[in-house]
Amino acid sequence: MGKYYYKKGHKNYKRKIFRLISLCILLTGICITTYVFFPLISWQVYFAPVFSNQSVAAPIPQGTIISNSTLRSLITDVSNNFSGIDYNNPQNWFPNFKFQKTGLPKIQSYTLSIPKLKLANLVVSTADNDLAKHLVNFGGTAVPADKGNAVIFGHSTLPQLYDSKNYKTVFTFLYELVPGDEIFINIDNIIYKYVVENITVIDPKNTSSVFQQNYTDSFLTLVTCTPPGTTWKRLIIRTRLQKL
């Protein structure tokens, strides 16, 4: 009488497929969780140690504290990244601020240099809002060296992707500035020196402190996203004109 053998290969195949699907689901969950909490992780690893030695009003305490508001803010940031918002246009950086165009500026462009960060002759446009091509002097704010507050936007990215010649990354190391550092503006071959006075980190919903005009002197405000590589918060560098 012949012997019959039954192979269990079919069942083993199903088990392998089930394990593969489970592994994919697990990896997807890990990737999503990492992406959501990346801003908080990068803040603690890279930027909190730097800001701890500066007079910076940061939205996150030096310890890692995750509250309901922090979670909501992180989830909102992720949602914005997937929503197709054009962050090359600075008008989208502060959703609660209503842009007001005041007509054609008398100066179409000028250059900005930050010796400490080895940034030289960055083009600042007052005529359009394309941050992929240059920095942007936000419409409706002052222009250096007039009285008032000139607000300049620029992109940042992950430090390892930094390129000093790429306007999508030029403000990556802006967080390294401290009070007393110098910024130079060149308008028609006239050099104006601004000195850093104050550094803050704010929520994108906070607009009053960024665009507020103060006509007692000439001020320059630099704005970029922080932590670099995210659109979570806004790093604000405030400077004042100094006589050369």
Protein backbone atom coordinates (compact mmCIF):
# COMPACT_ATOMS: atom_id res chain seq x y z
CA MET A 1 0.00 0.00 0.00
CA GLY A 2 1.41 3.34 -1.02
CA LYS A 3 2.08 6.16 1.47
CA TYR A 4 0.72 9.62 0.94
CA TYR A 5 2.43 12.78 2.23
CA TYR A 6 0.65 16.08 2.66
CA LYS A 7 2.74 19.21 2.28
CA LYS A 8 2.02 22.19 4.58
CA GLY A 9 3.52 24.66 2.16
CA HIS A 10 0.19 26.38 1.51
CA LYS A 11 -0.35 27.15 5.21
CA ASN A 12 3.24 28.31 5.62
CA TYR A 13 2.78 30.62 2.65
CA LYS A 14 -0.26 32.21 4.30
CA ARG A 15 1.66 32.68 7.54
CA LYS A 16 4.49 34.44 5.70
CA ILE A 17 2.06 36.76 3.95
CA PHE A 18 0.34 37.55 7.26
CA ARG A 19 3.68 38.28 8.94
CA LEU A 20 4.75 40.48 6.04
CA ILE A 21 1.52 42.48 6.19
CA SER A 22 1.88 42.86 9.98
CA LEU A 23 5.46 44.05 9.57
CA CYS A 24 4.40 46.60 6.93
CA ILE A 25 1.64 47.93 9.19
CA LEU A 26 4.10 48.18 12.09
CA LEU A 27 6.69 50.02 9.99
CA THR A 28 4.04 52.37 8.62
CA GLY A 29 2.92 53.20 12.17
CA ILE A 30 6.50 53.86 13.24
CA CYS A 31 7.09 56.12 10.22
CA ILE A 32 3.92 58.13 10.87
CA THR A 33 4.73 58.51 14.57
CA THR A 34 8.30 59.59 13.79
CA TYR A 35 7.08 62.10 11.20
CA VAL A 36 4.56 63.61 13.62
CA PHE A 37 7.05 63.94 16.47
CA PHE A 38 10.08 64.84 14.35
CA PRO A 39 9.82 68.59 15.13
CA LEU A 40 9.84 67.91 18.87
CA ILE A 41 12.69 65.41 18.58
CA SER A 42 14.82 67.71 16.43
CA TRP A 43 14.11 70.61 18.78
CA GLN A 44 15.39 68.69 21.78
CA VAL A 45 18.40 67.15 20.01
CA TYR A 46 19.65 70.11 17.95
CA PHE A 47 18.14 73.39 19.02
CA ALA A 48 17.18 73.39 22.69
CA PRO A 49 20.88 73.12 23.73
CA VAL A 50 21.70 76.14 21.55
CA PHE A 51 18.76 78.23 22.70
CA SER A 52 19.39 77.37 26.36
CA ASN A 53 22.43 79.66 26.26
CA GLN A 54 20.53 82.52 24.64
CA SER A 55 17.77 84.90 25.63
CA VAL A 56 15.18 83.14 23.51
CA ALA A 57 11.47 83.02 24.27
CA ALA A 58 10.86 79.46 23.07
CA PRO A 59 7.47 77.72 23.03
CA ILE A 60 8.91 74.44 24.35
CA PRO A 61 10.44 74.14 27.85
CA GLN A 62 13.97 72.83 28.16
CA GLY A 63 12.52 69.49 29.31
CA THR A 64 10.51 67.33 26.94
CA ILE A 65 6.93 68.06 27.92
CA ILE A 66 4.15 66.71 25.69
CA SER A 67 0.81 68.35 26.40
CA ASN A 68 -2.52 68.30 24.55
CA SER A 69 -1.72 71.65 22.95
CA THR A 70 1.70 70.38 21.82
CA LEU A 71 0.12 67.30 20.23
CA ARG A 72 -2.51 69.41 18.47
CA SER A 73 0.20 71.73 17.18
CA LEU A 74 2.31 68.84 15.86
CA ILE A 75 -0.67 67.21 14.14
CA THR A 76 -1.65 70.54 12.58
CA ASP A 77 1.89 70.94 11.24
CA VAL A 78 1.77 67.48 9.63
CA SER A 79 -1.65 68.23 8.17
CA ASN A 80 -0.37 71.48 6.66
CA ASN A 81 2.56 69.67 5.06
CA PHE A 82 0.17 67.31 3.28
CA SER A 83 -2.38 69.98 2.38
CA GLY A 84 -0.38 71.43 -0.49
CA ILE A 85 0.19 74.83 1.14
CA ASP A 86 2.72 76.82 -0.88
CA TYR A 87 5.41 77.80 1.62
CA ASN A 88 7.41 79.48 -1.13
CA ASN A 89 4.90 82.29 -0.66
CA PRO A 90 5.44 84.03 2.71
CA GLN A 91 1.79 85.11 2.74
CA ASN A 92 0.99 81.50 3.76
CA TRP A 93 3.36 81.43 6.74
CA PHE A 94 0.99 83.23 9.09
CA PRO A 95 -2.55 82.08 8.21
CA ASN A 96 -4.26 84.62 10.47
CA PHE A 97 -2.51 87.63 8.94
CA LYS A 98 -4.27 89.47 6.14
CA PHE A 99 -1.77 90.61 3.52
CA GLN A 100 -2.10 94.22 2.43
CA LYS A 101 -0.29 95.40 -0.68
CA THR A 102 0.67 99.07 -0.52
CA GLY A 103 1.67 99.61 -4.14
CA LEU A 104 4.98 99.32 -6.00
CA PRO A 105 7.92 99.86 -3.62
CA LYS A 106 10.53 102.47 -4.47
CA ILE A 107 13.27 99.81 -4.19
CA GLN A 108 12.78 96.57 -6.14
CA SER A 109 15.60 94.62 -4.52
CA TYR A 110 18.70 94.86 -2.34
CA THR A 111 21.19 92.45 -0.77
CA LEU A 112 21.67 91.07 2.73
CA SER A 113 24.83 89.65 4.32
CA ILE A 114 25.38 87.86 7.65
CA PRO A 115 29.15 87.48 8.23
CA LYS A 116 28.78 85.11 11.19
CA LEU A 117 26.87 82.61 9.03
CA LYS A 118 29.10 83.25 5.97
CA LEU A 119 26.11 84.48 3.98
CA ALA A 120 27.01 87.20 1.50
CA ASN A 121 24.94 89.30 -0.89
CA LEU A 122 21.68 87.39 -0.64
CA VAL A 123 19.09 89.00 -2.88
CA VAL A 124 16.02 90.40 -1.11
CA SER A 125 13.05 91.18 -3.33
CA THR A 126 10.36 93.74 -2.51
CA ALA A 127 8.50 93.12 -5.79
CA ASP A 128 7.41 89.45 -5.60
CA ASN A 129 6.92 86.60 -3.11
CA ASP A 130 8.92 83.68 -4.54
CA LEU A 131 11.11 82.41 -1.71
CA ALA A 132 12.59 79.73 -3.98
CA LYS A 133 14.43 82.45 -5.93
CA HIS A 134 15.39 84.98 -3.26
CA LEU A 135 14.56 86.33 0.18
CA VAL A 136 11.37 88.38 0.44
CA ASN A 137 10.84 91.77 2.07
CA PHE A 138 7.20 91.27 3.07
CA GLY A 139 4.81 93.68 1.37
CA GLY A 140 3.32 96.35 3.60
CA THR A 141 6.35 96.44 5.92
CA ALA A 142 9.17 99.00 5.82
CA VAL A 143 12.21 98.82 3.57
CA PRO A 144 15.72 99.34 4.99
CA ALA A 145 16.90 101.90 6.04
CA ASP A 146 13.54 103.69 6.37
CA LYS A 147 11.87 104.17 9.72
CA GLY A 148 9.72 101.18 10.61
CA ASN A 149 10.05 97.41 10.64
CA ALA A 150 11.29 95.62 7.49
CA VAL A 151 10.23 91.96 7.70
CA ILE A 152 12.37 89.56 5.64
CA PHE A 153 11.40 85.91 5.05
CA GLY A 154 13.73 83.06 4.11
CA HIS A 155 13.66 79.26 4.00
CA SER A 156 15.42 76.78 6.28
CA THR A 157 15.84 73.02 6.02
CA LEU A 158 17.56 70.11 7.74
CA PRO A 159 21.17 71.08 8.57
CA GLN A 160 22.55 68.18 6.54
CA LEU A 161 20.77 69.53 3.42
CA TYR A 162 22.08 73.07 3.81
CA ASP A 163 23.41 74.87 0.74
CA SER A 164 24.44 78.50 1.11
CA LYS A 165 23.66 79.11 -2.58
CA ASN A 166 20.15 77.63 -2.44
CA TYR A 167 17.43 80.06 -1.35
CA LYS A 168 15.38 77.12 -0.10
CA THR A 169 17.99 76.52 2.63
CA VAL A 170 19.88 79.79 3.26
CA PHE A 171 18.32 80.57 6.68
CA THR A 172 18.94 77.07 8.10
CA PHE A 173 21.51 78.26 10.66
CA LEU A 174 19.75 81.47 11.58
CA TYR A 175 19.20 80.00 15.05
CA GLU A 176 22.94 80.39 15.75
CA LEU A 177 22.66 84.18 15.85
CA VAL A 178 22.82 85.88 19.24
CA PRO A 179 22.22 89.45 20.42
CA GLY A 180 25.08 91.63 19.19
CA ASP A 181 25.62 89.82 15.89
CA GLU A 182 25.68 91.99 12.77
CA ILE A 183 23.61 91.98 9.58
CA PHE A 184 24.51 94.19 6.62
CA ILE A 185 22.15 95.59 4.01
CA ASN A 186 23.42 96.94 0.68
CA ILE A 187 21.08 99.32 -1.15
CA ASP A 188 22.52 101.08 -4.22
CA ASN A 189 26.06 100.48 -2.87
CA ILE A 190 25.23 102.08 0.46
CA ILE A 191 25.89 99.76 3.41
CA TYR A 192 23.63 99.73 6.46
CA LYS A 193 24.53 97.78 9.60
CA TYR A 194 21.86 96.19 11.77
CA VAL A 195 22.60 94.56 15.12
CA VAL A 196 20.61 91.66 16.60
CA GLU A 197 18.68 92.74 19.70
CA ASN A 198 16.11 90.03 20.35
CA ILE A 199 15.37 86.42 19.38
CA THR A 200 12.01 84.69 19.81
CA VAL A 201 10.24 81.52 18.69
CA ILE A 202 6.51 81.91 18.12
CA ASP A 203 3.47 80.03 16.89
CA PRO A 204 2.31 80.78 13.30
CA LYS A 205 -0.95 82.13 14.75
CA ASN A 206 0.97 84.89 16.53
CA THR A 207 1.20 87.74 14.02
CA SER A 208 1.01 90.94 16.04
CA SER A 209 4.62 90.81 17.22
CA VAL A 210 6.04 90.07 13.75
CA PHE A 211 4.47 92.70 11.52
CA GLN A 212 3.98 95.48 14.05
CA GLN A 213 5.52 98.73 12.84
CA ASN A 214 7.65 100.90 15.11
CA TYR A 215 8.59 104.23 13.51
CA THR A 216 10.89 105.42 16.28
CA ASP A 217 13.84 103.85 14.42
CA SER A 218 14.77 101.53 11.56
CA PHE A 219 14.27 97.86 12.44
CA LEU A 220 14.90 94.63 10.53
CA THR A 221 13.11 91.37 11.37
CA LEU A 222 14.27 88.02 9.91
CA VAL A 223 11.73 85.19 9.80
CA THR A 224 12.21 81.48 9.09
CA CYS A 225 10.64 78.17 10.10
CA THR A 226 11.93 76.27 13.11
CA PRO A 227 13.06 73.64 13.85
CA PRO A 228 14.75 73.66 10.41
CA GLY A 229 13.18 71.05 8.18
CA THR A 230 9.70 71.66 9.60
CA THR A 231 6.99 74.32 9.36
CA TRP A 232 6.02 73.97 13.03
CA LYS A 233 7.14 77.28 14.57
CA ARG A 234 8.64 80.59 13.43
CA LEU A 235 12.07 81.86 14.46
CA ILE A 236 12.10 85.65 14.75
CA ILE A 237 15.38 87.63 14.73
CA ARG A 238 14.91 91.33 15.55
CA THR A 239 17.59 93.87 14.72
CA ARG A 240 18.08 97.64 14.83
CA LEU A 241 19.98 99.98 12.52
CA GLN A 242 23.36 101.10 13.83
CA LYS A 243 25.51 103.96 12.58
CA LEU A 244 28.66 102.83 10.78
